[in-house]
Amino acid sequence: REPGQLNSLAGRSFHDLTQYPVVPWVLRDYDSEELDLSNPETFRDLTKPMGALGAARATQFQERYEGLAELEAASRGVGDLQEEADAGASAVKPFHYGTHYSCAGYVLYYLLRVEPFSR
């Protein structure tokens, strides 16, 4: 299906910044003069989230998760990090990604740079 139809079926609208339509990032090849849509190398690996596409990014997000898991354990009094927890470390549940890909702030940042808003 066309992205516009999928966004509409998903309840996304240009009238609501919190539900602004999205276009999935599916391409990998940004250098070729002409895209070969029959070549699988043209497209990104859709089995992985965006944060895991490169080894460095995947490592960064995994380290974030593990660090938060340690702090959570410390806040419950488990492990060697109890002193950090007592000193005010946050008891945030571990996560890989800190925000949604389509939050209102991102949408406004994008809209300020496209016509007719950039005039």
N, C-alpha and C. Protein backbone atom coordinates (compact mmCIF):
# COMPACT_ATOMS: atom_id res chain seq x y z
N ARG A 1 0.83 -1.20 0.00
CA ARG A 1 0.00 0.00 0.00
C ARG A 1 0.86 1.24 0.00
N GLU A 2 0.29 2.30 -0.46
CA GLU A 2 0.95 3.60 -0.47
C GLU A 2 1.05 4.13 0.97
N PRO A 3 2.18 4.79 1.32
CA PRO A 3 2.33 5.29 2.70
C PRO A 3 1.17 6.17 3.15
N GLY A 4 0.61 6.98 2.25
CA GLY A 4 -0.52 7.83 2.63
C GLY A 4 -1.72 7.02 3.08
N GLN A 5 -2.00 5.94 2.38
CA GLN A 5 -3.12 5.08 2.76
C GLN A 5 -2.85 4.39 4.09
N LEU A 6 -1.63 3.91 4.28
CA LEU A 6 -1.29 3.25 5.54
C LEU A 6 -1.37 4.22 6.71
N ASN A 7 -0.90 5.44 6.51
CA ASN A 7 -0.99 6.45 7.57
C ASN A 7 -2.44 6.76 7.90
N SER A 8 -3.27 6.86 6.89
CA SER A 8 -4.68 7.14 7.10
C SER A 8 -5.35 5.99 7.87
N LEU A 9 -5.06 4.76 7.47
CA LEU A 9 -5.62 3.60 8.17
C LEU A 9 -5.13 3.53 9.61
N ALA A 10 -3.94 4.04 9.86
CA ALA A 10 -3.37 4.02 11.21
C ALA A 10 -3.86 5.20 12.06
N GLY A 11 -4.71 6.06 11.48
CA GLY A 11 -5.25 7.19 12.23
C GLY A 11 -4.34 8.39 12.27
N ARG A 12 -3.32 8.43 11.41
CA ARG A 12 -2.39 9.57 11.37
C ARG A 12 -2.99 10.66 10.49
N SER A 13 -2.68 11.91 10.83
CA SER A 13 -3.26 13.04 10.13
C SER A 13 -2.30 14.22 10.12
N PHE A 14 -2.37 15.05 9.08
CA PHE A 14 -1.60 16.28 9.02
C PHE A 14 -2.15 17.32 10.00
N HIS A 15 -3.31 17.05 10.57
CA HIS A 15 -3.97 18.00 11.47
C HIS A 15 -3.63 17.77 12.93
N ASP A 16 -2.83 16.75 13.23
CA ASP A 16 -2.48 16.43 14.61
C ASP A 16 -0.98 16.17 14.68
N LEU A 17 -0.21 17.08 15.30
CA LEU A 17 1.24 16.93 15.35
C LEU A 17 1.69 15.67 16.07
N THR A 18 0.86 15.17 16.98
CA THR A 18 1.24 13.96 17.71
C THR A 18 0.98 12.69 16.91
N GLN A 19 0.24 12.82 15.84
CA GLN A 19 -0.07 11.67 14.97
C GLN A 19 0.24 12.00 13.51
N TYR A 20 1.31 12.80 13.30
CA TYR A 20 1.68 13.23 11.95
C TYR A 20 2.09 12.02 11.11
N PRO A 21 1.71 11.99 9.84
CA PRO A 21 2.07 10.85 8.98
C PRO A 21 3.59 10.63 8.91
N VAL A 22 3.97 9.40 8.80
CA VAL A 22 5.38 9.03 8.70
C VAL A 22 5.63 8.28 7.40
N VAL A 23 6.83 8.38 6.91
CA VAL A 23 7.26 7.61 5.74
C VAL A 23 8.39 6.72 6.22
N PRO A 24 8.22 5.42 6.11
CA PRO A 24 9.26 4.53 6.62
C PRO A 24 10.58 4.68 5.88
N TRP A 25 11.67 4.59 6.61
CA TRP A 25 13.00 4.68 6.04
C TRP A 25 13.38 3.30 5.55
N VAL A 26 13.32 3.09 4.25
CA VAL A 26 13.56 1.76 3.69
C VAL A 26 14.78 1.69 2.78
N LEU A 27 15.30 2.82 2.36
CA LEU A 27 16.43 2.80 1.43
C LEU A 27 17.77 2.75 2.14
N ARG A 28 18.73 2.12 1.50
CA ARG A 28 20.12 2.09 1.97
C ARG A 28 21.02 2.80 0.98
N ASP A 29 20.66 2.75 -0.29
CA ASP A 29 21.50 3.28 -1.36
C ASP A 29 21.13 4.73 -1.66
N TYR A 30 22.00 5.65 -1.25
CA TYR A 30 21.78 7.07 -1.52
C TYR A 30 22.82 7.63 -2.48
N ASP A 31 23.64 6.75 -3.06
CA ASP A 31 24.73 7.19 -3.92
C ASP A 31 24.49 6.94 -5.41
N SER A 32 23.69 5.96 -5.74
CA SER A 32 23.49 5.60 -7.15
C SER A 32 22.70 6.66 -7.89
N GLU A 33 23.04 6.85 -9.16
CA GLU A 33 22.29 7.78 -10.02
C GLU A 33 20.87 7.27 -10.23
N GLU A 34 20.73 5.95 -10.32
CA GLU A 34 19.43 5.32 -10.55
C GLU A 34 19.29 4.14 -9.60
N LEU A 35 18.16 4.05 -8.92
CA LEU A 35 17.95 2.97 -7.98
C LEU A 35 17.49 1.70 -8.69
N ASP A 36 18.09 0.59 -8.33
CA ASP A 36 17.68 -0.72 -8.83
C ASP A 36 16.77 -1.34 -7.77
N LEU A 37 15.47 -1.21 -7.95
CA LEU A 37 14.51 -1.68 -6.95
C LEU A 37 14.42 -3.20 -6.89
N SER A 38 15.05 -3.89 -7.82
CA SER A 38 15.06 -5.36 -7.77
C SER A 38 16.27 -5.88 -6.99
N ASN A 39 17.18 -5.00 -6.61
CA ASN A 39 18.38 -5.38 -5.88
C ASN A 39 18.12 -5.23 -4.38
N PRO A 40 18.19 -6.31 -3.61
CA PRO A 40 17.95 -6.22 -2.17
C PRO A 40 18.94 -5.29 -1.45
N GLU A 41 20.12 -5.07 -2.00
CA GLU A 41 21.11 -4.19 -1.39
C GLU A 41 20.68 -2.72 -1.43
N THR A 42 19.66 -2.40 -2.21
CA THR A 42 19.13 -1.04 -2.30
C THR A 42 18.39 -0.66 -1.02
N PHE A 43 17.89 -1.65 -0.31
CA PHE A 43 17.02 -1.42 0.85
C PHE A 43 17.74 -1.74 2.16
N ARG A 44 17.34 -1.06 3.21
CA ARG A 44 17.93 -1.33 4.52
C ARG A 44 17.39 -2.65 5.06
N ASP A 45 18.05 -3.18 6.05
CA ASP A 45 17.65 -4.43 6.68
C ASP A 45 16.45 -4.16 7.58
N LEU A 46 15.28 -4.57 7.12
CA LEU A 46 14.05 -4.29 7.86
C LEU A 46 13.83 -5.25 9.03
N THR A 47 14.74 -6.20 9.24
CA THR A 47 14.62 -7.09 10.40
C THR A 47 15.17 -6.42 11.66
N LYS A 48 15.83 -5.27 11.50
CA LYS A 48 16.42 -4.57 12.64
C LYS A 48 15.80 -3.19 12.78
N PRO A 49 15.68 -2.70 14.02
CA PRO A 49 15.21 -1.32 14.20
C PRO A 49 16.29 -0.34 13.73
N MET A 50 15.93 0.91 13.52
CA MET A 50 16.87 1.91 13.03
C MET A 50 18.11 2.02 13.93
N GLY A 51 17.94 1.88 15.21
CA GLY A 51 19.06 2.01 16.12
C GLY A 51 20.07 0.89 16.04
N ALA A 52 19.72 -0.20 15.37
CA ALA A 52 20.63 -1.35 15.29
C ALA A 52 21.21 -1.54 13.89
N LEU A 53 21.07 -0.54 13.04
CA LEU A 53 21.55 -0.71 11.66
C LEU A 53 23.07 -0.71 11.56
N GLY A 54 23.73 0.03 12.38
CA GLY A 54 25.19 0.04 12.38
C GLY A 54 25.70 -0.54 13.69
N ALA A 55 26.88 -1.13 13.66
CA ALA A 55 27.43 -1.75 14.87
C ALA A 55 27.61 -0.73 15.99
N ALA A 56 28.09 0.48 15.65
CA ALA A 56 28.32 1.51 16.67
C ALA A 56 27.00 1.94 17.31
N ARG A 57 25.96 2.15 16.50
CA ARG A 57 24.65 2.55 17.05
C ARG A 57 24.05 1.44 17.90
N ALA A 58 24.16 0.21 17.43
CA ALA A 58 23.61 -0.92 18.18
C ALA A 58 24.30 -1.03 19.54
N THR A 59 25.61 -0.85 19.55
CA THR A 59 26.37 -0.91 20.80
C THR A 59 25.95 0.21 21.74
N GLN A 60 25.79 1.42 21.20
CA GLN A 60 25.38 2.57 22.01
C GLN A 60 24.05 2.31 22.70
N PHE A 61 23.07 1.82 21.97
CA PHE A 61 21.75 1.59 22.55
C PHE A 61 21.76 0.42 23.53
N GLN A 62 22.58 -0.61 23.26
CA GLN A 62 22.69 -1.74 24.19
C GLN A 62 23.35 -1.29 25.49
N GLU A 63 24.39 -0.45 25.38
CA GLU A 63 25.06 0.05 26.58
C GLU A 63 24.11 0.92 27.41
N ARG A 64 23.29 1.72 26.74
CA ARG A 64 22.30 2.53 27.47
C ARG A 64 21.37 1.61 28.26
N TYR A 65 20.87 0.58 27.61
CA TYR A 65 19.94 -0.34 28.25
C TYR A 65 20.60 -1.00 29.47
N GLU A 66 21.81 -1.50 29.27
CA GLU A 66 22.51 -2.19 30.36
C GLU A 66 22.81 -1.24 31.52
N GLY A 67 23.19 0.00 31.21
CA GLY A 67 23.45 0.98 32.27
C GLY A 67 22.20 1.28 33.07
N LEU A 68 21.08 1.43 32.39
CA LEU A 68 19.82 1.69 33.09
C LEU A 68 19.37 0.48 33.90
N ALA A 69 19.64 -0.71 33.38
CA ALA A 69 19.29 -1.93 34.12
C ALA A 69 20.10 -2.00 35.42
N GLU A 70 21.37 -1.61 35.36
CA GLU A 70 22.20 -1.59 36.57
C GLU A 70 21.66 -0.59 37.59
N LEU A 71 21.29 0.60 37.11
CA LEU A 71 20.75 1.61 38.03
C LEU A 71 19.43 1.17 38.63
N GLU A 72 18.60 0.50 37.82
CA GLU A 72 17.33 0.01 38.34
C GLU A 72 17.57 -1.03 39.43
N ALA A 73 18.52 -1.93 39.18
CA ALA A 73 18.84 -2.95 40.18
C ALA A 73 19.36 -2.28 41.45
N ALA A 74 20.20 -1.26 41.30
CA ALA A 74 20.75 -0.55 42.45
C ALA A 74 19.65 0.14 43.25
N SER A 75 18.66 0.68 42.54
CA SER A 75 17.58 1.39 43.24
C SER A 75 16.72 0.43 44.06
N ARG A 76 16.79 -0.84 43.72
CA ARG A 76 16.06 -1.86 44.48
C ARG A 76 16.97 -2.48 45.56
N GLY A 77 18.23 -2.00 45.63
CA GLY A 77 19.14 -2.51 46.63
C GLY A 77 19.85 -3.78 46.22
N VAL A 78 19.93 -4.03 44.92
CA VAL A 78 20.59 -5.23 44.41
C VAL A 78 21.91 -4.83 43.78
N GLY A 79 22.96 -5.52 44.09
CA GLY A 79 24.24 -5.28 43.43
C GLY A 79 25.10 -4.25 44.12
N ASP A 80 26.19 -3.85 43.44
CA ASP A 80 27.20 -2.97 44.01
C ASP A 80 26.89 -1.48 43.85
N LEU A 81 25.80 -1.14 43.21
CA LEU A 81 25.54 0.27 42.92
C LEU A 81 24.57 0.92 43.90
N GLN A 82 24.37 0.31 45.07
CA GLN A 82 23.42 0.86 46.03
C GLN A 82 23.76 2.29 46.41
N GLU A 83 25.05 2.62 46.55
CA GLU A 83 25.44 3.99 46.92
C GLU A 83 24.99 5.00 45.88
N GLU A 84 25.12 4.64 44.57
CA GLU A 84 24.65 5.55 43.51
C GLU A 84 23.15 5.74 43.61
N ALA A 85 22.42 4.68 43.87
CA ALA A 85 20.97 4.79 43.99
C ALA A 85 20.61 5.68 45.16
N ASP A 86 21.32 5.50 46.28
CA ASP A 86 21.05 6.33 47.45
C ASP A 86 21.38 7.79 47.19
N ALA A 87 22.32 8.05 46.29
CA ALA A 87 22.73 9.42 45.98
C ALA A 87 21.77 10.09 45.00
N GLY A 88 20.68 9.44 44.65
CA GLY A 88 19.67 10.07 43.80
C GLY A 88 19.64 9.58 42.38
N ALA A 89 20.29 8.47 42.07
CA ALA A 89 20.22 7.93 40.72
C ALA A 89 18.78 7.56 40.42
N SER A 90 18.37 7.80 39.20
CA SER A 90 16.99 7.56 38.79
C SER A 90 16.67 6.07 38.72
N ALA A 91 15.49 5.70 39.12
CA ALA A 91 15.03 4.32 39.04
C ALA A 91 14.21 4.13 37.77
N VAL A 92 14.71 4.61 36.66
CA VAL A 92 14.03 4.51 35.38
C VAL A 92 14.10 3.07 34.89
N LYS A 93 13.01 2.57 34.36
CA LYS A 93 13.03 1.24 33.76
C LYS A 93 13.96 1.26 32.56
N PRO A 94 14.72 0.20 32.34
CA PRO A 94 15.65 0.17 31.21
C PRO A 94 14.92 0.30 29.87
N PHE A 95 15.53 1.02 28.94
CA PHE A 95 14.97 1.18 27.60
C PHE A 95 16.11 1.34 26.60
N HIS A 96 15.83 1.03 25.35
CA HIS A 96 16.81 1.20 24.28
C HIS A 96 16.69 2.58 23.63
N TYR A 97 15.46 3.00 23.37
CA TYR A 97 15.22 4.25 22.65
C TYR A 97 14.44 5.19 23.55
N GLY A 98 14.90 6.45 23.63
CA GLY A 98 14.34 7.38 24.59
C GLY A 98 13.13 8.15 24.15
N THR A 99 12.73 8.05 22.90
CA THR A 99 11.58 8.82 22.44
C THR A 99 10.93 8.11 21.27
N HIS A 100 9.74 8.52 20.94
CA HIS A 100 9.02 7.98 19.80
C HIS A 100 9.53 8.67 18.54
N TYR A 101 9.52 7.98 17.42
CA TYR A 101 10.05 8.54 16.17
C TYR A 101 9.20 9.67 15.61
N SER A 102 8.01 9.86 16.10
CA SER A 102 7.12 10.87 15.53
C SER A 102 6.53 11.77 16.61
N CYS A 103 7.36 12.32 17.49
CA CYS A 103 6.83 13.22 18.51
C CYS A 103 6.64 14.62 17.92
N ALA A 104 5.83 15.41 18.57
CA ALA A 104 5.48 16.73 18.05
C ALA A 104 6.71 17.61 17.83
N GLY A 105 7.70 17.52 18.70
CA GLY A 105 8.92 18.32 18.55
C GLY A 105 9.65 18.01 17.25
N TYR A 106 9.75 16.73 16.91
CA TYR A 106 10.39 16.34 15.65
C TYR A 106 9.60 16.85 14.46
N VAL A 107 8.29 16.74 14.56
CA VAL A 107 7.43 17.19 13.45
C VAL A 107 7.61 18.69 13.22
N LEU A 108 7.59 19.48 14.29
CA LEU A 108 7.76 20.93 14.15
C LEU A 108 9.14 21.27 13.60
N TYR A 109 10.17 20.57 14.06
CA TYR A 109 11.53 20.80 13.58
C TYR A 109 11.60 20.55 12.07
N TYR A 110 10.90 19.51 11.61
CA TYR A 110 10.85 19.20 10.17
C TYR A 110 10.04 20.26 9.42
N LEU A 111 8.87 20.60 9.92
CA LEU A 111 7.98 21.52 9.21
C LEU A 111 8.59 22.91 9.04
N LEU A 112 9.43 23.33 9.99
CA LEU A 112 10.05 24.64 9.87
C LEU A 112 11.02 24.72 8.72
N ARG A 113 11.37 23.58 8.14
CA ARG A 113 12.36 23.54 7.06
C ARG A 113 11.78 23.16 5.70
N VAL A 114 10.46 23.03 5.60
CA VAL A 114 9.85 22.69 4.32
C VAL A 114 8.88 23.78 3.89
N GLU A 115 8.66 23.86 2.60
CA GLU A 115 7.70 24.82 2.06
C GLU A 115 6.31 24.48 2.56
N PRO A 116 5.45 25.39 2.80
CA PRO A 116 5.59 26.84 2.73
C PRO A 116 6.09 27.44 4.04
N PHE A 117 6.41 26.60 5.04
CA PHE A 117 6.76 27.09 6.37
C PHE A 117 8.13 27.73 6.43
N SER A 118 9.00 27.43 5.47
CA SER A 118 10.38 27.93 5.53
C SER A 118 10.52 29.33 4.94
N ARG A 119 9.48 29.90 4.40
CA ARG A 119 9.55 31.25 3.82
C ARG A 119 9.57 32.33 4.87
